[in-house]
Amino acid sequence: MLTPPLPPPPDIDKQVMRLKKVLDHLVHTWPVPRSQPPTDPPDDGAQDSVDAADGKADLD
């Protein structure tokens, strides 16, 4: 049983250039987070518990 011939290898340079263009576009268009201190204390997850009766998270 013969296997079909493999497709030609992709042009890596073209793929790299395409990725560089996409990343360059994202770097220039992605919203920059503001440097403000967080208003909420960091969440350590201690208060998040799951109620075994209904399986819903208790977020009080």
N, C-alpha and C. Protein backbone atom coordinates (compact mmCIF):
# COMPACT_ATOMS: atom_id res chain seq x y z
N MET A 1 0.86 -1.19 0.00
CA MET A 1 0.00 0.00 0.00
C MET A 1 0.89 1.24 0.00
N LEU A 2 0.67 2.07 -0.97
CA LEU A 2 1.48 3.29 -1.09
C LEU A 2 0.80 4.44 -0.37
N THR A 3 1.59 5.23 0.32
CA THR A 3 1.04 6.43 0.98
C THR A 3 1.09 7.58 -0.01
N PRO A 4 0.13 8.49 0.07
CA PRO A 4 0.17 9.64 -0.85
C PRO A 4 1.40 10.49 -0.59
N PRO A 5 1.91 11.15 -1.60
CA PRO A 5 3.10 11.98 -1.38
C PRO A 5 2.80 13.12 -0.42
N LEU A 6 3.78 13.45 0.37
CA LEU A 6 3.63 14.54 1.33
C LEU A 6 3.57 15.87 0.58
N PRO A 7 2.79 16.82 1.11
CA PRO A 7 2.78 18.14 0.49
C PRO A 7 4.15 18.80 0.64
N PRO A 8 4.47 19.74 -0.19
CA PRO A 8 5.77 20.40 -0.05
C PRO A 8 5.85 21.12 1.29
N PRO A 9 7.02 21.21 1.87
CA PRO A 9 7.14 21.88 3.18
C PRO A 9 6.74 23.35 3.07
N PRO A 10 6.10 23.88 4.10
CA PRO A 10 5.70 25.29 4.05
C PRO A 10 6.91 26.20 4.06
N ASP A 11 6.72 27.36 3.50
CA ASP A 11 7.79 28.34 3.48
C ASP A 11 7.86 29.00 4.85
N ILE A 12 8.83 28.59 5.64
CA ILE A 12 8.92 29.05 7.03
C ILE A 12 9.14 30.56 7.10
N ASP A 13 9.95 31.09 6.19
CA ASP A 13 10.22 32.52 6.22
C ASP A 13 8.94 33.33 6.03
N LYS A 14 8.07 32.87 5.14
CA LYS A 14 6.81 33.60 4.93
C LYS A 14 5.94 33.53 6.18
N GLN A 15 5.91 32.36 6.82
CA GLN A 15 5.11 32.23 8.04
C GLN A 15 5.66 33.10 9.16
N VAL A 16 6.98 33.16 9.27
CA VAL A 16 7.59 33.99 10.31
C VAL A 16 7.29 35.46 10.06
N MET A 17 7.40 35.89 8.81
CA MET A 17 7.11 37.30 8.51
C MET A 17 5.64 37.62 8.78
N ARG A 18 4.75 36.69 8.48
CA ARG A 18 3.33 36.92 8.74
C ARG A 18 3.09 37.05 10.24
N LEU A 19 3.72 36.16 11.03
CA LEU A 19 3.56 36.24 12.49
C LEU A 19 4.14 37.54 13.04
N LYS A 20 5.28 37.97 12.51
CA LYS A 20 5.87 39.23 12.97
C LYS A 20 4.94 40.39 12.69
N LYS A 21 4.28 40.38 11.52
CA LYS A 21 3.35 41.47 11.20
C LYS A 21 2.17 41.46 12.16
N VAL A 22 1.64 40.27 12.44
CA VAL A 22 0.50 40.18 13.35
C VAL A 22 0.89 40.64 14.75
N LEU A 23 2.04 40.17 15.23
CA LEU A 23 2.48 40.57 16.57
C LEU A 23 2.77 42.07 16.64
N ASP A 24 3.36 42.62 15.60
CA ASP A 24 3.64 44.05 15.58
C ASP A 24 2.33 44.83 15.62
N HIS A 25 1.33 44.36 14.88
CA HIS A 25 0.03 45.02 14.88
C HIS A 25 -0.60 44.96 16.27
N LEU A 26 -0.52 43.78 16.92
CA LEU A 26 -1.11 43.64 18.25
C LEU A 26 -0.39 44.51 19.27
N VAL A 27 0.92 44.60 19.17
CA VAL A 27 1.69 45.40 20.12
C VAL A 27 1.26 46.86 20.04
N HIS A 28 0.98 47.33 18.84
CA HIS A 28 0.63 48.74 18.68
C HIS A 28 -0.85 49.03 18.91
N THR A 29 -1.71 48.00 18.88
CA THR A 29 -3.14 48.24 19.04
C THR A 29 -3.70 47.72 20.36
N TRP A 30 -2.96 46.90 21.07
CA TRP A 30 -3.47 46.33 22.32
C TRP A 30 -3.60 47.45 23.36
N PRO A 31 -4.71 47.49 24.09
CA PRO A 31 -4.86 48.55 25.10
C PRO A 31 -3.82 48.40 26.21
N VAL A 32 -3.24 49.50 26.56
CA VAL A 32 -2.20 49.50 27.60
C VAL A 32 -2.88 49.67 28.96
N PRO A 33 -2.61 48.79 29.92
CA PRO A 33 -3.24 48.95 31.23
C PRO A 33 -2.74 50.20 31.93
N ARG A 34 -3.66 50.87 32.59
CA ARG A 34 -3.28 52.08 33.31
C ARG A 34 -2.53 51.69 34.57
N SER A 35 -1.61 52.53 34.97
CA SER A 35 -0.81 52.23 36.16
C SER A 35 -1.48 52.83 37.39
N GLN A 36 -2.62 52.26 37.74
CA GLN A 36 -3.33 52.69 38.94
C GLN A 36 -3.23 51.58 39.97
N PRO A 37 -3.16 51.95 41.23
CA PRO A 37 -3.13 50.89 42.25
C PRO A 37 -4.47 50.16 42.27
N PRO A 38 -4.46 48.88 42.56
CA PRO A 38 -5.74 48.15 42.62
C PRO A 38 -6.61 48.65 43.75
N THR A 39 -7.91 48.76 43.50
CA THR A 39 -8.82 49.26 44.52
C THR A 39 -9.27 48.15 45.46
N ASP A 40 -9.29 46.91 44.97
CA ASP A 40 -9.71 45.80 45.79
C ASP A 40 -8.48 45.10 46.37
N PRO A 41 -8.60 44.56 47.57
CA PRO A 41 -7.49 43.78 48.10
C PRO A 41 -7.29 42.52 47.25
N PRO A 42 -6.11 41.99 47.19
CA PRO A 42 -5.90 40.78 46.39
C PRO A 42 -6.75 39.63 46.90
N ASP A 43 -7.30 38.86 45.99
CA ASP A 43 -8.19 37.76 46.34
C ASP A 43 -7.36 36.50 46.56
N ASP A 44 -7.38 36.03 47.79
CA ASP A 44 -6.60 34.82 48.08
C ASP A 44 -7.43 33.56 47.94
N GLY A 45 -8.72 33.72 47.62
CA GLY A 45 -9.58 32.56 47.42
C GLY A 45 -10.05 31.91 48.70
N ALA A 46 -9.77 32.51 49.86
CA ALA A 46 -10.14 31.88 51.12
C ALA A 46 -11.65 31.91 51.34
N GLN A 47 -12.32 32.94 50.84
CA GLN A 47 -13.75 33.06 51.08
C GLN A 47 -14.58 32.33 50.03
N ASP A 48 -13.97 31.89 48.94
CA ASP A 48 -14.71 31.18 47.91
C ASP A 48 -14.86 29.72 48.33
N SER A 49 -16.08 29.33 48.62
CA SER A 49 -16.33 27.94 48.97
C SER A 49 -17.46 27.41 48.12
N VAL A 50 -17.47 26.13 47.92
CA VAL A 50 -18.50 25.51 47.09
C VAL A 50 -19.49 24.82 48.01
N ASP A 51 -20.78 25.12 47.81
CA ASP A 51 -21.83 24.48 48.58
C ASP A 51 -22.08 23.11 47.97
N ALA A 52 -21.92 22.07 48.75
CA ALA A 52 -22.06 20.71 48.22
C ALA A 52 -23.50 20.40 47.82
N ALA A 53 -24.47 21.10 48.40
CA ALA A 53 -25.87 20.78 48.10
C ALA A 53 -26.23 21.15 46.67
N ASP A 54 -25.85 22.35 46.23
CA ASP A 54 -26.25 22.75 44.88
C ASP A 54 -25.05 22.90 43.93
N GLY A 55 -23.84 22.77 44.42
CA GLY A 55 -22.67 22.83 43.56
C GLY A 55 -22.33 24.22 43.08
N LYS A 56 -22.95 25.23 43.63
CA LYS A 56 -22.67 26.61 43.21
C LYS A 56 -21.64 27.23 44.14
N ALA A 57 -20.84 28.10 43.59
CA ALA A 57 -19.81 28.75 44.40
C ALA A 57 -20.45 29.79 45.30
N ASP A 58 -19.98 29.87 46.53
CA ASP A 58 -20.46 30.85 47.49
C ASP A 58 -19.51 32.04 47.43
N LEU A 59 -19.96 33.14 46.83
CA LEU A 59 -19.09 34.29 46.61
C LEU A 59 -19.37 35.42 47.59
N ASP A 60 -19.92 35.11 48.75
CA ASP A 60 -20.22 36.15 49.75
C ASP A 60 -18.95 36.66 50.36
